[in-house]
Amino acid sequence: MRGNNWQGRRGFYAASTGNSAFDDWKAGEIARLEEERRKLQDAHREFSDFLNNVRRAKDREEFERFMNERRNRPADGGSNQGPAV
């Protein structure tokens, strides 16, 4: 068994052992693990969305702070221009 690619190895898990009780248990365990994998993927997506929202909020806050400072700085008579050439 390589890696965590359950779906790519489905044929391996579908092979019957000849013991119906074991095969039923195995099928149930695989279904349970696949449900857990889906839950982890959902949690990962939700956390990524959360982080993106936090980053956007931080960017917005930094931008608003910049704009407020820019708006509130005193006029300096054009000293922001580079030196005359």
PDB file of N, CA and C in Angstrom:
ATOM      1  N   MET A   1       0.855  -1.188   0.000  1.00  0.00           N
ATOM      2  CA  MET A   1       0.000   0.000   0.000  1.00  0.00           C
ATOM      3  C   MET A   1       0.884   1.229   0.000  1.00  0.00           C
ATOM      4  N   ARG A   2       0.722   2.121  -0.980  1.00  0.00           N
ATOM      5  CA  ARG A   2       1.523   3.331  -1.073  1.00  0.00           C
ATOM      6  C   ARG A   2       0.691   4.544  -0.713  1.00  0.00           C
ATOM      7  N   GLY A   3       1.276   5.447   0.071  1.00  0.00           N
ATOM      8  CA  GLY A   3       0.644   6.722   0.365  1.00  0.00           C
ATOM      9  C   GLY A   3      -0.725   6.588   1.003  1.00  0.00           C
ATOM     10  N   ASN A   4      -1.522   7.647   0.820  1.00  0.00           N
ATOM     11  CA  ASN A   4      -2.860   7.687   1.407  1.00  0.00           C
ATOM     12  C   ASN A   4      -3.937   7.725   0.334  1.00  0.00           C
ATOM     13  N   ASN A   5      -3.639   7.249  -0.852  1.00  0.00           N
ATOM     14  CA  ASN A   5      -4.585   7.339  -1.955  1.00  0.00           C
ATOM     15  C   ASN A   5      -5.553   6.167  -1.916  1.00  0.00           C
ATOM     16  N   TRP A   6      -6.579   6.290  -1.113  1.00  0.00           N
ATOM     17  CA  TRP A   6      -7.568   5.218  -0.970  1.00  0.00           C
ATOM     18  C   TRP A   6      -8.277   4.956  -2.287  1.00  0.00           C
ATOM     19  N   GLN A   7      -8.659   6.014  -2.971  1.00  0.00           N
ATOM     20  CA  GLN A   7      -9.448   5.849  -4.184  1.00  0.00           C
ATOM     21  C   GLN A   7      -8.652   5.139  -5.273  1.00  0.00           C
ATOM     22  N   GLY A   8      -7.372   5.432  -5.392  1.00  0.00           N
ATOM     23  CA  GLY A   8      -6.558   4.824  -6.422  1.00  0.00           C
ATOM     24  C   GLY A   8      -6.318   3.341  -6.180  1.00  0.00           C
ATOM     25  N   ARG A   9      -6.560   2.881  -4.980  1.00  0.00           N
ATOM     26  CA  ARG A   9      -6.305   1.488  -4.630  1.00  0.00           C
ATOM     27  C   ARG A   9      -7.599   0.719  -4.382  1.00  0.00           C
ATOM     28  N   ARG A  10      -8.705   1.252  -4.814  1.00  0.00           N
ATOM     29  CA  ARG A  10     -10.013   0.667  -4.520  1.00  0.00           C
ATOM     30  C   ARG A  10     -10.099  -0.795  -4.948  1.00  0.00           C
ATOM     31  N   GLY A  11      -9.498  -1.156  -6.076  1.00  0.00           N
ATOM     32  CA  GLY A  11      -9.530  -2.528  -6.538  1.00  0.00           C
ATOM     33  C   GLY A  11      -8.904  -3.474  -5.528  1.00  0.00           C
ATOM     34  N   PHE A  12      -7.841  -3.047  -4.875  1.00  0.00           N
ATOM     35  CA  PHE A  12      -7.184  -3.860  -3.862  1.00  0.00           C
ATOM     36  C   PHE A  12      -8.132  -4.141  -2.709  1.00  0.00           C
ATOM     37  N   TYR A  13      -8.881  -3.118  -2.282  1.00  0.00           N
ATOM     38  CA  TYR A  13      -9.773  -3.273  -1.139  1.00  0.00           C
ATOM     39  C   TYR A  13     -11.041  -4.036  -1.501  1.00  0.00           C
ATOM     40  N   ALA A  14     -11.401  -4.047  -2.777  1.00  0.00           N
ATOM     41  CA  ALA A  14     -12.630  -4.708  -3.189  1.00  0.00           C
ATOM     42  C   ALA A  14     -12.443  -6.224  -3.313  1.00  0.00           C
ATOM     43  N   ALA A  15     -11.205  -6.701  -3.346  1.00  0.00           N
ATOM     44  CA  ALA A  15     -10.964  -8.138  -3.506  1.00  0.00           C
ATOM     45  C   ALA A  15     -11.525  -8.891  -2.301  1.00  0.00           C
ATOM     46  N   SER A  16     -12.255  -9.937  -2.565  1.00  0.00           N
ATOM     47  CA  SER A  16     -12.865 -10.727  -1.506  1.00  0.00           C
ATOM     48  C   SER A  16     -11.835 -11.673  -0.891  1.00  0.00           C
ATOM     49  N   THR A  17     -11.950 -11.853   0.406  1.00  0.00           N
ATOM     50  CA  THR A  17     -11.079 -12.805   1.102  1.00  0.00           C
ATOM     51  C   THR A  17     -11.698 -14.188   1.143  1.00  0.00           C
ATOM     52  N   GLY A  18     -12.956 -14.279   0.791  1.00  0.00           N
ATOM     53  CA  GLY A  18     -13.666 -15.539   0.903  1.00  0.00           C
ATOM     54  C   GLY A  18     -14.416 -15.660   2.220  1.00  0.00           C
ATOM     55  N   ASN A  19     -14.171 -14.724   3.136  1.00  0.00           N
ATOM     56  CA  ASN A  19     -14.844 -14.719   4.430  1.00  0.00           C
ATOM     57  C   ASN A  19     -15.785 -13.524   4.442  1.00  0.00           C
ATOM     58  N   SER A  20     -17.080 -13.781   4.355  1.00  0.00           N
ATOM     59  CA  SER A  20     -18.047 -12.684   4.225  1.00  0.00           C
ATOM     60  C   SER A  20     -18.054 -11.768   5.441  1.00  0.00           C
ATOM     61  N   ALA A  21     -17.825 -12.316   6.647  1.00  0.00           N
ATOM     62  CA  ALA A  21     -17.813 -11.477   7.855  1.00  0.00           C
ATOM     63  C   ALA A  21     -16.651 -10.491   7.800  1.00  0.00           C
ATOM     64  N   PHE A  22     -15.481 -10.993   7.403  1.00  0.00           N
ATOM     65  CA  PHE A  22     -14.319 -10.103   7.297  1.00  0.00           C
ATOM     66  C   PHE A  22     -14.530  -9.079   6.192  1.00  0.00           C
ATOM     67  N   ASP A  23     -15.031  -9.526   5.035  1.00  0.00           N
ATOM     68  CA  ASP A  23     -15.258  -8.605   3.927  1.00  0.00           C
ATOM     69  C   ASP A  23     -16.266  -7.521   4.299  1.00  0.00           C
ATOM     70  N   ASP A  24     -17.310  -7.884   5.038  1.00  0.00           N
ATOM     71  CA  ASP A  24     -18.289  -6.889   5.498  1.00  0.00           C
ATOM     72  C   ASP A  24     -17.645  -5.899   6.450  1.00  0.00           C
ATOM     73  N   TRP A  25     -16.830  -6.404   7.385  1.00  0.00           N
ATOM     74  CA  TRP A  25     -16.144  -5.527   8.335  1.00  0.00           C
ATOM     75  C   TRP A  25     -15.198  -4.595   7.594  1.00  0.00           C
ATOM     76  N   LYS A  26     -14.450  -5.152   6.638  1.00  0.00           N
ATOM     77  CA  LYS A  26     -13.489  -4.355   5.868  1.00  0.00           C
ATOM     78  C   LYS A  26     -14.210  -3.254   5.089  1.00  0.00           C
ATOM     79  N   ALA A  27     -15.318  -3.597   4.457  1.00  0.00           N
ATOM     80  CA  ALA A  27     -16.083  -2.605   3.695  1.00  0.00           C
ATOM     81  C   ALA A  27     -16.584  -1.492   4.617  1.00  0.00           C
ATOM     82  N   GLY A  28     -17.042  -1.866   5.796  1.00  0.00           N
ATOM     83  CA  GLY A  28     -17.505  -0.864   6.758  1.00  0.00           C
ATOM     84  C   GLY A  28     -16.379   0.043   7.228  1.00  0.00           C
ATOM     85  N   GLU A  29     -15.208  -0.531   7.474  1.00  0.00           N
ATOM     86  CA  GLU A  29     -14.051   0.266   7.904  1.00  0.00           C
ATOM     87  C   GLU A  29     -13.597   1.216   6.803  1.00  0.00           C
ATOM     88  N   ILE A  30     -13.589   0.727   5.576  1.00  0.00           N
ATOM     89  CA  ILE A  30     -13.191   1.590   4.454  1.00  0.00           C
ATOM     90  C   ILE A  30     -14.186   2.734   4.304  1.00  0.00           C
ATOM     91  N   ALA A  31     -15.459   2.442   4.423  1.00  0.00           N
ATOM     92  CA  ALA A  31     -16.479   3.493   4.326  1.00  0.00           C
ATOM     93  C   ALA A  31     -16.296   4.514   5.451  1.00  0.00           C
ATOM     94  N   ARG A  32     -15.995   4.035   6.665  1.00  0.00           N
ATOM     95  CA  ARG A  32     -15.783   4.932   7.800  1.00  0.00           C
ATOM     96  C   ARG A  32     -14.566   5.822   7.562  1.00  0.00           C
ATOM     97  N   LEU A  33     -13.487   5.215   7.071  1.00  0.00           N
ATOM     98  CA  LEU A  33     -12.267   5.985   6.810  1.00  0.00           C
ATOM     99  C   LEU A  33     -12.473   7.004   5.686  1.00  0.00           C
ATOM    100  N   GLU A  34     -13.220   6.628   4.666  1.00  0.00           N
ATOM    101  CA  GLU A  34     -13.506   7.575   3.588  1.00  0.00           C
ATOM    102  C   GLU A  34     -14.348   8.742   4.096  1.00  0.00           C
ATOM    103  N   GLU A  35     -15.277   8.471   5.012  1.00  0.00           N
ATOM    104  CA  GLU A  35     -16.065   9.558   5.607  1.00  0.00           C
ATOM    105  C   GLU A  35     -15.162  10.477   6.431  1.00  0.00           C
ATOM    106  N   GLU A  36     -14.237   9.908   7.175  1.00  0.00           N
ATOM    107  CA  GLU A  36     -13.285  10.719   7.945  1.00  0.00           C
ATOM    108  C   GLU A  36     -12.419  11.561   7.014  1.00  0.00           C
ATOM    109  N   ARG A  37     -11.997  10.978   5.886  1.00  0.00           N
ATOM    110  CA  ARG A  37     -11.204  11.725   4.913  1.00  0.00           C
ATOM    111  C   ARG A  37     -12.004  12.907   4.376  1.00  0.00           C
ATOM    112  N   ARG A  38     -13.283  12.666   4.069  1.00  0.00           N
ATOM    113  CA  ARG A  38     -14.133  13.768   3.593  1.00  0.00           C
ATOM    114  C   ARG A  38     -14.265  14.850   4.655  1.00  0.00           C
ATOM    115  N   LYS A  39     -14.411  14.453   5.911  1.00  0.00           N
ATOM    116  CA  LYS A  39     -14.512  15.445   6.993  1.00  0.00           C
ATOM    117  C   LYS A  39     -13.229  16.259   7.105  1.00  0.00           C
ATOM    118  N   LEU A  40     -12.083  15.588   6.971  1.00  0.00           N
ATOM    119  CA  LEU A  40     -10.807  16.304   7.031  1.00  0.00           C
ATOM    120  C   LEU A  40     -10.659  17.267   5.858  1.00  0.00           C
ATOM    121  N   GLN A  41     -11.072  16.839   4.675  1.00  0.00           N
ATOM    122  CA  GLN A  41     -11.018  17.732   3.518  1.00  0.00           C
ATOM    123  C   GLN A  41     -11.918  18.946   3.729  1.00  0.00           C
ATOM    124  N   ASP A  42     -13.105  18.727   4.273  1.00  0.00           N
ATOM    125  CA  ASP A  42     -14.018  19.836   4.554  1.00  0.00           C
ATOM    126  C   ASP A  42     -13.415  20.795   5.574  1.00  0.00           C
ATOM    127  N   ALA A  43     -12.820  20.229   6.640  1.00  0.00           N
ATOM    128  CA  ALA A  43     -12.196  21.068   7.673  1.00  0.00           C
ATOM    129  C   ALA A  43     -11.035  21.853   7.085  1.00  0.00           C
ATOM    130  N   HIS A  44     -10.260  21.221   6.223  1.00  0.00           N
ATOM    131  CA  HIS A  44      -9.126  21.901   5.581  1.00  0.00           C
ATOM    132  C   HIS A  44      -9.620  23.059   4.727  1.00  0.00           C
ATOM    133  N   ARG A  45     -10.676  22.831   3.952  1.00  0.00           N
ATOM    134  CA  ARG A  45     -11.235  23.888   3.113  1.00  0.00           C
ATOM    135  C   ARG A  45     -11.787  25.029   3.968  1.00  0.00           C
ATOM    136  N   GLU A  46     -12.505  24.688   5.041  1.00  0.00           N
ATOM    137  CA  GLU A  46     -13.064  25.721   5.918  1.00  0.00           C
ATOM    138  C   GLU A  46     -11.951  26.546   6.560  1.00  0.00           C
ATOM    139  N   PHE A  47     -10.866  25.881   6.984  1.00  0.00           N
ATOM    140  CA  PHE A  47      -9.766  26.611   7.609  1.00  0.00           C
ATOM    141  C   PHE A  47      -9.066  27.504   6.594  1.00  0.00           C
ATOM    142  N   SER A  48      -8.903  27.011   5.366  1.00  0.00           N
ATOM    143  CA  SER A  48      -8.306  27.840   4.317  1.00  0.00           C
ATOM    144  C   SER A  48      -9.160  29.072   4.056  1.00  0.00           C
ATOM    145  N   ASP A  49     -10.473  28.880   4.002  1.00  0.00           N
ATOM    146  CA  ASP A  49     -11.380  30.015   3.818  1.00  0.00           C
ATOM    147  C   ASP A  49     -11.255  31.000   4.977  1.00  0.00           C
ATOM    148  N   PHE A  50     -11.168  30.469   6.195  1.00  0.00           N
ATOM    149  CA  PHE A  50     -11.018  31.316   7.378  1.00  0.00           C
ATOM    150  C   PHE A  50      -9.735  32.142   7.280  1.00  0.00           C
ATOM    151  N   LEU A  51      -8.616  31.480   6.936  1.00  0.00           N
ATOM    152  CA  LEU A  51      -7.347  32.202   6.820  1.00  0.00           C
ATOM    153  C   LEU A  51      -7.405  33.265   5.735  1.00  0.00           C
ATOM    154  N   ASN A  52      -8.046  32.948   4.623  1.00  0.00           N
ATOM    155  CA  ASN A  52      -8.185  33.948   3.558  1.00  0.00           C
ATOM    156  C   ASN A  52      -8.977  35.153   4.047  1.00  0.00           C
ATOM    157  N   ASN A  53     -10.031  34.914   4.815  1.00  0.00           N
ATOM    158  CA  ASN A  53     -10.825  36.022   5.361  1.00  0.00           C
ATOM    159  C   ASN A  53     -10.012  36.850   6.345  1.00  0.00           C
ATOM    160  N   VAL A  54      -9.208  36.182   7.184  1.00  0.00           N
ATOM    161  CA  VAL A  54      -8.353  36.901   8.135  1.00  0.00           C
ATOM    162  C   VAL A  54      -7.352  37.769   7.379  1.00  0.00           C
ATOM    163  N   ARG A  55      -6.742  37.195   6.338  1.00  0.00           N
ATOM    164  CA  ARG A  55      -5.762  37.961   5.545  1.00  0.00           C
ATOM    165  C   ARG A  55      -6.417  39.149   4.862  1.00  0.00           C
ATOM    166  N   ARG A  56      -7.608  38.936   4.319  1.00  0.00           N
ATOM    167  CA  ARG A  56      -8.308  40.045   3.657  1.00  0.00           C
ATOM    168  C   ARG A  56      -8.655  41.140   4.668  1.00  0.00           C
ATOM    169  N   ALA A  57      -9.088  40.751   5.856  1.00  0.00           N
ATOM    170  CA  ALA A  57      -9.419  41.731   6.889  1.00  0.00           C
ATOM    171  C   ALA A  57      -8.166  42.503   7.304  1.00  0.00           C
ATOM    172  N   LYS A  58      -7.053  41.800   7.442  1.00  0.00           N
ATOM    173  CA  LYS A  58      -5.799  42.464   7.814  1.00  0.00           C
ATOM    174  C   LYS A  58      -5.354  43.411   6.703  1.00  0.00           C
ATOM    175  N   ASP A  59      -5.459  42.970   5.456  1.00  0.00           N
ATOM    176  CA  ASP A  59      -5.108  43.842   4.335  1.00  0.00           C
ATOM    177  C   ASP A  59      -5.980  45.084   4.329  1.00  0.00           C
ATOM    178  N   ARG A  60      -7.293  44.899   4.563  1.00  0.00           N
ATOM    179  CA  ARG A  60      -8.214  46.033   4.578  1.00  0.00           C
ATOM    180  C   ARG A  60      -7.836  47.004   5.688  1.00  0.00           C
ATOM    181  N   GLU A  61      -7.536  46.460   6.874  1.00  0.00           N
ATOM    182  CA  GLU A  61      -7.155  47.303   8.010  1.00  0.00           C
ATOM    183  C   GLU A  61      -5.881  48.081   7.704  1.00  0.00           C
ATOM    184  N   GLU A  62      -4.878  47.421   7.147  1.00  0.00           N
ATOM    185  CA  GLU A  62      -3.622  48.104   6.823  1.00  0.00           C
ATOM    186  C   GLU A  62      -3.845  49.184   5.765  1.00  0.00           C
ATOM    187  N   PHE A  63      -4.663  48.877   4.766  1.00  0.00           N
ATOM    188  CA  PHE A  63      -4.944  49.855   3.727  1.00  0.00           C
ATOM    189  C   PHE A  63      -5.676  51.069   4.295  1.00  0.00           C
ATOM    190  N   GLU A  64      -6.676  50.817   5.135  1.00  0.00           N
ATOM    191  CA  GLU A  64      -7.417  51.934   5.733  1.00  0.00           C
ATOM    192  C   GLU A  64      -6.515  52.780   6.621  1.00  0.00           C
ATOM    193  N   ARG A  65      -5.603  52.131   7.361  1.00  0.00           N
ATOM    194  CA  ARG A  65      -4.658  52.875   8.185  1.00  0.00           C
ATOM    195  C   ARG A  65      -3.765  53.756   7.303  1.00  0.00           C
ATOM    196  N   PHE A  66      -3.277  53.210   6.203  1.00  0.00           N
ATOM    197  CA  PHE A  66      -2.464  53.972   5.264  1.00  0.00           C
ATOM    198  C   PHE A  66      -3.245  55.168   4.727  1.00  0.00           C
ATOM    199  N   MET A  67      -4.481  54.924   4.294  1.00  0.00           N
ATOM    200  CA  MET A  67      -5.270  56.013   3.720  1.00  0.00           C
ATOM    201  C   MET A  67      -5.560  57.084   4.764  1.00  0.00           C
ATOM    202  N   ASN A  68      -5.837  56.688   6.004  1.00  0.00           N
ATOM    203  CA  ASN A  68      -6.080  57.674   7.065  1.00  0.00           C
ATOM    204  C   ASN A  68      -4.831  58.495   7.343  1.00  0.00           C
ATOM    205  N   GLU A  69      -3.673  57.841   7.412  1.00  0.00           N
ATOM    206  CA  GLU A  69      -2.429  58.580   7.635  1.00  0.00           C
ATOM    207  C   GLU A  69      -2.130  59.517   6.476  1.00  0.00           C
ATOM    208  N   ARG A  70      -2.378  59.057   5.273  1.00  0.00           N
ATOM    209  CA  ARG A  70      -2.134  59.869   4.079  1.00  0.00           C
ATOM    210  C   ARG A  70      -3.052  61.087   4.069  1.00  0.00           C
ATOM    211  N   ARG A  71      -4.310  60.853   4.431  1.00  0.00           N
ATOM    212  CA  ARG A  71      -5.286  61.927   4.449  1.00  0.00           C
ATOM    213  C   ARG A  71      -4.974  62.955   5.542  1.00  0.00           C
ATOM    214  N   ASN A  72      -4.438  62.485   6.659  1.00  0.00           N
ATOM    215  CA  ASN A  72      -4.244  63.351   7.822  1.00  0.00           C
ATOM    216  C   ASN A  72      -2.863  63.983   7.905  1.00  0.00           C
ATOM    217  N   ARG A  73      -1.956  63.649   7.008  1.00  0.00           N
ATOM    218  CA  ARG A  73      -0.626  64.262   7.100  1.00  0.00           C
ATOM    219  C   ARG A  73      -0.693  65.702   6.596  1.00  0.00           C
ATOM    220  N   PRO A  74       0.113  66.544   7.196  1.00  0.00           N
ATOM    221  CA  PRO A  74       0.073  67.963   6.815  1.00  0.00           C
ATOM    222  C   PRO A  74       0.618  68.168   5.403  1.00  0.00           C
ATOM    223  N   ALA A  75       0.068  69.174   4.768  1.00  0.00           N
ATOM    224  CA  ALA A  75       0.562  69.526   3.439  1.00  0.00           C
ATOM    225  C   ALA A  75       1.964  70.078   3.609  1.00  0.00           C
ATOM    226  N   ASP A  76       2.900  69.607   2.796  1.00  0.00           N
ATOM    227  CA  ASP A  76       4.283  70.031   2.970  1.00  0.00           C
ATOM    228  C   ASP A  76       4.796  70.855   1.812  1.00  0.00           C
ATOM    229  N   GLY A  77       3.908  71.376   1.025  1.00  0.00           N
ATOM    230  CA  GLY A  77       4.319  72.279  -0.027  1.00  0.00           C
ATOM    231  C   GLY A  77       5.018  71.589  -1.190  1.00  0.00           C
ATOM    232  N   GLY A  78       4.752  70.322  -1.367  1.00  0.00           N
ATOM    233  CA  GLY A  78       5.291  69.650  -2.543  1.00  0.00           C
ATOM    234  C   GLY A  78       6.662  69.037  -2.318  1.00  0.00           C
ATOM    235  N   SER A  79       7.067  68.848  -1.052  1.00  0.00           N
ATOM    236  CA  SER A  79       8.393  68.285  -0.821  1.00  0.00           C
ATOM    237  C   SER A  79       8.461  66.813  -1.173  1.00  0.00           C
ATOM    238  N   ASN A  80       7.326  66.233  -1.573  1.00  0.00           N
ATOM    239  CA  ASN A  80       7.321  64.827  -1.968  1.00  0.00           C
ATOM    240  C   ASN A  80       7.881  64.633  -3.363  1.00  0.00           C
ATOM    241  N   GLN A  81       8.085  65.733  -4.072  1.00  0.00           N
ATOM    242  CA  GLN A  81       8.631  65.618  -5.415  1.00  0.00           C
ATOM    243  C   GLN A  81      10.128  65.370  -5.306  1.00  0.00           C
ATOM    244  N   GLY A  82      10.654  64.660  -6.248  1.00  0.00           N
ATOM    245  CA  GLY A  82      12.088  64.368  -6.268  1.00  0.00           C
ATOM    246  C   GLY A  82      12.899  65.633  -6.528  1.00  0.00           C
ATOM    247  N   PRO A  83      14.204  65.539  -6.410  1.00  0.00           N
ATOM    248  CA  PRO A  83      15.061  66.712  -6.645  1.00  0.00           C
ATOM    249  C   PRO A  83      15.001  67.159  -8.104  1.00  0.00           C
ATOM    250  N   ALA A  84      15.140  68.442  -8.298  1.00  0.00           N
ATOM    251  CA  ALA A  84      15.125  68.992  -9.660  1.00  0.00           C
ATOM    252  C   ALA A  84      16.385  68.548 -10.359  1.00  0.00           C
ATOM    253  N   VAL A  85      16.232  68.216 -11.631  1.00  0.00           N
ATOM    254  CA  VAL A  85      17.403  67.753 -12.395  1.00  0.00           C
ATOM    255  C   VAL A  85      17.874  68.827 -13.314  1.00  0.00           C
TER     256      VAL A  85
END
